[in-house]
């Protein structure tokens, strides 16, 4: 699936620190914990809670966030539709990686079991 250059630029320039509180609210409202959220983020990116806080304090963009990430080799197993886009068909790498994160957080908030969220080959 082709996203527009404007859409990709908007994703790239969005600050992670501006979206992170929404992630927290979403999962907590559904009875999940910040620790579980951090576990999901660490699985995808390799960032532990301390590094995550540094990135938030630094106010990095999603572009910088994913440039510094060590993406999980099983991230390609994340499939489905999020924000109207089929993840596996998104051509722009950064947009696809951002949607991976969105999908994992959505699954967490929907009550999916952690062993299913943290995909294994």
N, C-alpha and C. Protein backbone atom coordinates (compact mmCIF):
# COMPACT_ATOMS: atom_id res chain seq x y z
N UNK A 1 0.85 -1.18 0.00
CA UNK A 1 0.00 0.00 0.00
C UNK A 1 0.89 1.24 0.00
N UNK A 2 0.54 2.16 -0.81
CA UNK A 2 1.31 3.39 -0.91
C UNK A 2 0.67 4.46 -0.04
N UNK A 3 1.48 5.01 0.83
CA UNK A 3 1.03 6.16 1.62
C UNK A 3 1.51 7.40 0.90
N UNK A 4 0.91 8.53 1.20
CA UNK A 4 1.32 9.76 0.53
C UNK A 4 2.60 10.29 1.17
N UNK A 5 3.39 11.02 0.41
CA UNK A 5 4.60 11.63 0.98
C UNK A 5 4.28 12.55 2.16
N UNK A 6 3.13 13.21 2.10
CA UNK A 6 2.72 14.11 3.19
C UNK A 6 2.46 13.30 4.46
N UNK A 7 1.76 12.16 4.30
CA UNK A 7 1.47 11.29 5.43
C UNK A 7 2.76 10.79 6.05
N UNK A 8 3.68 10.32 5.22
CA UNK A 8 4.96 9.81 5.71
C UNK A 8 5.76 10.89 6.43
N UNK A 9 5.74 12.10 5.89
CA UNK A 9 6.46 13.21 6.53
C UNK A 9 5.83 13.57 7.88
N UNK A 10 4.51 13.53 7.94
CA UNK A 10 3.83 13.83 9.20
C UNK A 10 4.20 12.81 10.26
N UNK A 11 4.24 11.53 9.89
CA UNK A 11 4.64 10.47 10.82
C UNK A 11 6.09 10.67 11.26
N UNK A 12 6.97 10.93 10.32
CA UNK A 12 8.39 11.08 10.61
C UNK A 12 8.68 12.22 11.57
N UNK A 13 7.93 13.31 11.43
CA UNK A 13 8.21 14.52 12.21
C UNK A 13 7.43 14.62 13.51
N UNK A 14 6.54 13.67 13.75
CA UNK A 14 5.77 13.66 14.99
C UNK A 14 6.70 13.31 16.15
N UNK A 15 6.57 14.01 17.25
CA UNK A 15 7.41 13.73 18.42
C UNK A 15 6.84 12.54 19.19
N UNK A 16 7.72 11.58 19.49
CA UNK A 16 7.30 10.41 20.26
C UNK A 16 6.73 10.83 21.60
N UNK A 17 7.34 11.85 22.22
CA UNK A 17 6.89 12.30 23.55
C UNK A 17 5.48 12.86 23.53
N UNK A 18 5.00 13.31 22.38
CA UNK A 18 3.63 13.84 22.30
C UNK A 18 2.61 12.71 22.17
N UNK A 19 3.03 11.54 21.68
CA UNK A 19 2.12 10.42 21.47
C UNK A 19 2.16 9.45 22.66
N UNK A 20 3.30 9.35 23.31
CA UNK A 20 3.49 8.40 24.41
C UNK A 20 2.40 8.50 25.49
N UNK A 21 2.02 9.70 25.96
CA UNK A 21 0.96 9.77 26.98
C UNK A 21 -0.37 9.16 26.50
N UNK A 22 -0.63 9.24 25.21
CA UNK A 22 -1.85 8.63 24.66
C UNK A 22 -1.76 7.10 24.71
N UNK A 23 -0.56 6.58 24.49
CA UNK A 23 -0.36 5.13 24.62
C UNK A 23 -0.65 4.69 26.05
N UNK A 24 -0.11 5.44 27.01
CA UNK A 24 -0.30 5.12 28.43
C UNK A 24 -1.79 5.14 28.77
N UNK A 25 -2.47 6.20 28.39
CA UNK A 25 -3.90 6.34 28.66
C UNK A 25 -4.69 5.20 28.05
N UNK A 26 -4.37 4.86 26.82
CA UNK A 26 -5.10 3.80 26.11
C UNK A 26 -4.99 2.46 26.84
N UNK A 27 -3.78 2.10 27.23
CA UNK A 27 -3.62 0.78 27.87
C UNK A 27 -4.15 0.78 29.30
N UNK A 28 -3.93 1.86 30.03
CA UNK A 28 -4.42 1.91 31.41
C UNK A 28 -5.94 1.91 31.48
N UNK A 29 -6.57 2.59 30.53
CA UNK A 29 -8.03 2.64 30.49
C UNK A 29 -8.63 1.24 30.30
N UNK A 30 -7.85 0.37 29.68
CA UNK A 30 -8.31 -1.00 29.42
C UNK A 30 -7.76 -2.00 30.44
N UNK A 31 -7.19 -1.47 31.55
CA UNK A 31 -6.75 -2.35 32.63
C UNK A 31 -5.36 -2.93 32.48
N UNK A 32 -4.58 -2.44 31.53
CA UNK A 32 -3.21 -2.90 31.37
C UNK A 32 -2.29 -1.90 32.06
N UNK A 33 -1.02 -2.26 32.22
CA UNK A 33 -0.09 -1.44 32.99
C UNK A 33 0.96 -0.77 32.10
N UNK A 34 1.58 0.26 32.66
CA UNK A 34 2.69 0.93 31.98
C UNK A 34 3.84 -0.05 31.80
N UNK A 35 4.03 -0.94 32.78
CA UNK A 35 5.09 -1.95 32.67
C UNK A 35 4.86 -2.85 31.46
N UNK A 36 3.61 -3.24 31.23
CA UNK A 36 3.30 -4.06 30.06
C UNK A 36 3.53 -3.27 28.77
N UNK A 37 3.16 -1.99 28.78
CA UNK A 37 3.41 -1.12 27.64
C UNK A 37 4.91 -1.07 27.34
N UNK A 38 5.70 -0.88 28.38
CA UNK A 38 7.16 -0.81 28.20
C UNK A 38 7.72 -2.14 27.70
N UNK A 39 7.14 -3.24 28.16
CA UNK A 39 7.58 -4.56 27.70
C UNK A 39 7.34 -4.71 26.19
N UNK A 40 6.21 -4.25 25.73
CA UNK A 40 5.87 -4.31 24.31
C UNK A 40 6.82 -3.42 23.51
N UNK A 41 7.04 -2.19 23.99
CA UNK A 41 7.94 -1.26 23.29
C UNK A 41 9.36 -1.82 23.26
N UNK A 42 9.80 -2.40 24.38
CA UNK A 42 11.15 -2.96 24.43
C UNK A 42 11.28 -4.15 23.48
N UNK A 43 10.25 -4.99 23.40
CA UNK A 43 10.30 -6.12 22.47
C UNK A 43 10.50 -5.63 21.04
N UNK A 44 9.77 -4.59 20.66
CA UNK A 44 9.84 -4.09 19.28
C UNK A 44 11.13 -3.33 19.00
N UNK A 45 11.55 -2.47 19.95
CA UNK A 45 12.63 -1.52 19.66
C UNK A 45 13.95 -1.80 20.35
N UNK A 46 13.91 -2.57 21.43
CA UNK A 46 15.11 -2.79 22.23
C UNK A 46 15.31 -1.73 23.30
N UNK A 47 14.45 -0.73 23.38
CA UNK A 47 14.58 0.34 24.37
C UNK A 47 14.01 -0.10 25.71
N UNK A 48 14.85 -0.11 26.75
CA UNK A 48 14.33 -0.38 28.09
C UNK A 48 13.68 0.89 28.64
N UNK A 49 13.11 0.81 29.82
CA UNK A 49 12.38 1.95 30.39
C UNK A 49 13.26 3.18 30.55
N UNK A 50 14.51 2.97 30.95
CA UNK A 50 15.44 4.10 31.14
C UNK A 50 15.71 4.80 29.81
N UNK A 51 16.02 4.03 28.77
CA UNK A 51 16.30 4.60 27.46
C UNK A 51 15.05 5.26 26.88
N UNK A 52 13.90 4.65 27.12
CA UNK A 52 12.64 5.22 26.66
C UNK A 52 12.43 6.60 27.27
N UNK A 53 12.69 6.72 28.57
CA UNK A 53 12.55 8.02 29.24
C UNK A 53 13.53 9.04 28.67
N UNK A 54 14.74 8.62 28.36
CA UNK A 54 15.73 9.53 27.75
C UNK A 54 15.21 10.06 26.41
N UNK A 55 14.64 9.17 25.61
CA UNK A 55 14.11 9.58 24.31
C UNK A 55 12.93 10.54 24.47
N UNK A 56 12.10 10.28 25.46
CA UNK A 56 10.97 11.17 25.74
C UNK A 56 11.49 12.54 26.17
N UNK A 57 12.46 12.55 27.09
CA UNK A 57 13.04 13.81 27.57
C UNK A 57 13.71 14.59 26.44
N UNK A 58 14.31 13.85 25.53
CA UNK A 58 15.01 14.45 24.38
C UNK A 58 14.02 14.94 23.32
N UNK A 59 12.78 14.51 23.42
CA UNK A 59 11.71 14.87 22.49
C UNK A 59 12.06 14.51 21.04
N UNK A 60 12.50 13.26 20.86
CA UNK A 60 12.85 12.80 19.52
C UNK A 60 11.61 12.62 18.66
N UNK A 61 11.81 12.72 17.37
CA UNK A 61 10.74 12.44 16.42
C UNK A 61 10.66 10.93 16.23
N UNK A 62 9.57 10.47 15.61
CA UNK A 62 9.47 9.05 15.31
C UNK A 62 10.60 8.62 14.36
N UNK A 63 11.03 9.50 13.49
CA UNK A 63 12.14 9.17 12.59
C UNK A 63 13.38 8.84 13.41
N UNK A 64 13.74 9.70 14.33
CA UNK A 64 14.91 9.46 15.19
C UNK A 64 14.68 8.25 16.08
N UNK A 65 13.49 8.12 16.63
CA UNK A 65 13.13 7.00 17.51
C UNK A 65 13.44 5.67 16.82
N UNK A 66 12.96 5.51 15.59
CA UNK A 66 13.16 4.24 14.90
C UNK A 66 14.56 4.11 14.28
N UNK A 67 15.23 5.23 14.00
CA UNK A 67 16.62 5.14 13.55
C UNK A 67 17.50 4.58 14.66
N UNK A 68 17.20 4.91 15.89
CA UNK A 68 17.99 4.44 17.03
C UNK A 68 17.55 3.05 17.53
N UNK A 69 16.40 2.62 17.09
CA UNK A 69 15.85 1.34 17.56
C UNK A 69 16.61 0.16 16.94
N UNK A 70 16.61 -0.93 17.69
CA UNK A 70 17.11 -2.20 17.19
C UNK A 70 15.87 -3.08 17.01
N UNK A 71 15.24 -2.95 15.84
CA UNK A 71 13.95 -3.58 15.61
C UNK A 71 14.03 -5.10 15.76
N UNK A 72 13.06 -5.65 16.46
CA UNK A 72 13.01 -7.08 16.70
C UNK A 72 12.96 -7.82 15.36
N UNK A 73 13.76 -8.88 15.21
CA UNK A 73 13.76 -9.62 13.94
C UNK A 73 12.41 -10.26 13.60
N UNK A 74 11.54 -10.41 14.58
CA UNK A 74 10.21 -10.98 14.33
C UNK A 74 9.14 -9.91 14.09
N UNK A 75 9.55 -8.66 13.99
CA UNK A 75 8.57 -7.58 13.77
C UNK A 75 7.77 -7.80 12.49
N UNK A 76 8.37 -8.44 11.50
CA UNK A 76 7.67 -8.68 10.24
C UNK A 76 6.45 -9.59 10.42
N UNK A 77 6.36 -10.25 11.57
CA UNK A 77 5.20 -11.12 11.85
C UNK A 77 3.97 -10.32 12.30
N UNK A 78 4.14 -9.02 12.52
CA UNK A 78 3.02 -8.16 12.91
C UNK A 78 2.23 -7.85 11.64
N UNK A 79 1.00 -8.30 11.62
CA UNK A 79 0.16 -8.13 10.43
C UNK A 79 -1.21 -7.61 10.86
N UNK A 80 -1.95 -7.16 9.89
CA UNK A 80 -3.30 -6.68 10.16
C UNK A 80 -3.49 -5.25 9.73
N UNK A 81 -4.64 -4.71 10.11
CA UNK A 81 -5.00 -3.35 9.71
C UNK A 81 -4.94 -2.45 10.94
N UNK A 82 -4.33 -1.31 10.79
CA UNK A 82 -4.29 -0.29 11.84
C UNK A 82 -4.36 1.08 11.17
N UNK A 83 -5.18 1.93 11.69
CA UNK A 83 -5.37 3.28 11.14
C UNK A 83 -5.74 3.25 9.65
N UNK A 84 -6.47 2.20 9.26
CA UNK A 84 -6.93 2.10 7.88
C UNK A 84 -5.91 1.55 6.90
N UNK A 85 -4.74 1.15 7.38
CA UNK A 85 -3.69 0.63 6.50
C UNK A 85 -3.38 -0.82 6.87
N UNK A 86 -3.23 -1.67 5.86
CA UNK A 86 -2.76 -3.04 6.08
C UNK A 86 -1.26 -2.95 6.26
N UNK A 87 -0.79 -3.28 7.45
CA UNK A 87 0.61 -3.08 7.84
C UNK A 87 1.59 -3.71 6.86
N UNK A 88 1.34 -4.96 6.52
CA UNK A 88 2.30 -5.67 5.68
C UNK A 88 2.40 -5.11 4.26
N UNK A 89 1.48 -4.23 3.88
CA UNK A 89 1.50 -3.63 2.54
C UNK A 89 2.06 -2.21 2.53
N UNK A 90 2.40 -1.66 3.68
CA UNK A 90 2.95 -0.31 3.73
C UNK A 90 4.38 -0.33 3.20
N UNK A 91 4.64 0.46 2.19
CA UNK A 91 5.95 0.44 1.52
C UNK A 91 7.01 1.26 2.25
N UNK A 92 6.63 2.36 2.87
CA UNK A 92 7.59 3.23 3.54
C UNK A 92 7.98 2.60 4.88
N UNK A 93 9.27 2.32 5.05
CA UNK A 93 9.75 1.59 6.23
C UNK A 93 9.38 2.28 7.53
N UNK A 94 9.61 3.58 7.66
CA UNK A 94 9.32 4.28 8.91
C UNK A 94 7.84 4.23 9.24
N UNK A 95 6.99 4.45 8.26
CA UNK A 95 5.55 4.40 8.49
C UNK A 95 5.13 3.00 8.92
N UNK A 96 5.70 1.98 8.27
CA UNK A 96 5.40 0.59 8.63
C UNK A 96 5.84 0.31 10.08
N UNK A 97 7.03 0.74 10.46
CA UNK A 97 7.53 0.52 11.82
C UNK A 97 6.66 1.22 12.85
N UNK A 98 6.22 2.43 12.53
CA UNK A 98 5.34 3.16 13.44
C UNK A 98 4.01 2.43 13.60
N UNK A 99 3.49 1.89 12.51
CA UNK A 99 2.24 1.14 12.58
C UNK A 99 2.42 -0.19 13.30
N UNK A 100 3.63 -0.78 13.25
CA UNK A 100 3.91 -1.96 14.07
C UNK A 100 3.67 -1.61 15.54
N UNK A 101 4.22 -0.49 15.96
CA UNK A 101 4.08 -0.06 17.35
C UNK A 101 2.61 0.19 17.69
N UNK A 102 1.91 0.88 16.81
CA UNK A 102 0.49 1.14 17.02
C UNK A 102 -0.30 -0.15 17.16
N UNK A 103 0.00 -1.12 16.31
CA UNK A 103 -0.72 -2.40 16.32
C UNK A 103 -0.47 -3.15 17.63
N UNK A 104 0.78 -3.19 18.08
CA UNK A 104 1.10 -3.88 19.34
C UNK A 104 0.39 -3.24 20.52
N UNK A 105 0.36 -1.92 20.55
CA UNK A 105 -0.30 -1.21 21.65
C UNK A 105 -1.81 -1.43 21.58
N UNK A 106 -2.35 -1.45 20.40
CA UNK A 106 -3.77 -1.74 20.22
C UNK A 106 -4.11 -3.14 20.73
N UNK A 107 -3.27 -4.11 20.40
CA UNK A 107 -3.50 -5.48 20.87
C UNK A 107 -3.41 -5.56 22.39
N UNK A 108 -2.46 -4.85 22.97
CA UNK A 108 -2.32 -4.81 24.42
C UNK A 108 -3.58 -4.25 25.06
N UNK A 109 -4.06 -3.13 24.53
CA UNK A 109 -5.26 -2.49 25.07
C UNK A 109 -6.49 -3.37 24.90
N UNK A 110 -6.53 -4.18 23.87
CA UNK A 110 -7.69 -5.05 23.63
C UNK A 110 -7.65 -6.32 24.47
N UNK A 111 -6.60 -6.47 25.28
CA UNK A 111 -6.55 -7.61 26.19
C UNK A 111 -5.91 -8.86 25.63
N UNK A 112 -5.24 -8.74 24.51
CA UNK A 112 -4.56 -9.91 23.94
C UNK A 112 -3.46 -10.36 24.89
N UNK A 113 -3.24 -11.66 24.94
CA UNK A 113 -2.21 -12.21 25.83
C UNK A 113 -0.83 -11.78 25.36
N UNK A 114 0.05 -11.51 26.34
CA UNK A 114 1.38 -11.00 26.04
C UNK A 114 2.18 -11.95 25.14
N UNK A 115 2.04 -13.25 25.33
CA UNK A 115 2.81 -14.19 24.50
C UNK A 115 2.35 -14.16 23.04
N UNK A 116 1.14 -13.70 22.78
CA UNK A 116 0.65 -13.56 21.41
C UNK A 116 1.13 -12.22 20.81
N UNK A 117 1.19 -11.20 21.66
CA UNK A 117 1.63 -9.88 21.20
C UNK A 117 3.10 -9.92 20.81
N UNK A 118 3.91 -10.56 21.65
CA UNK A 118 5.36 -10.64 21.42
C UNK A 118 5.62 -11.84 20.51
N UNK A 119 5.48 -11.61 19.25
CA UNK A 119 5.54 -12.69 18.25
C UNK A 119 6.85 -13.45 18.28
N UNK A 120 6.71 -14.75 18.01
CA UNK A 120 7.86 -15.63 17.89
C UNK A 120 7.75 -16.35 16.54
N UNK A 121 8.88 -16.56 15.91
CA UNK A 121 8.87 -17.24 14.60
C UNK A 121 8.44 -18.68 14.72
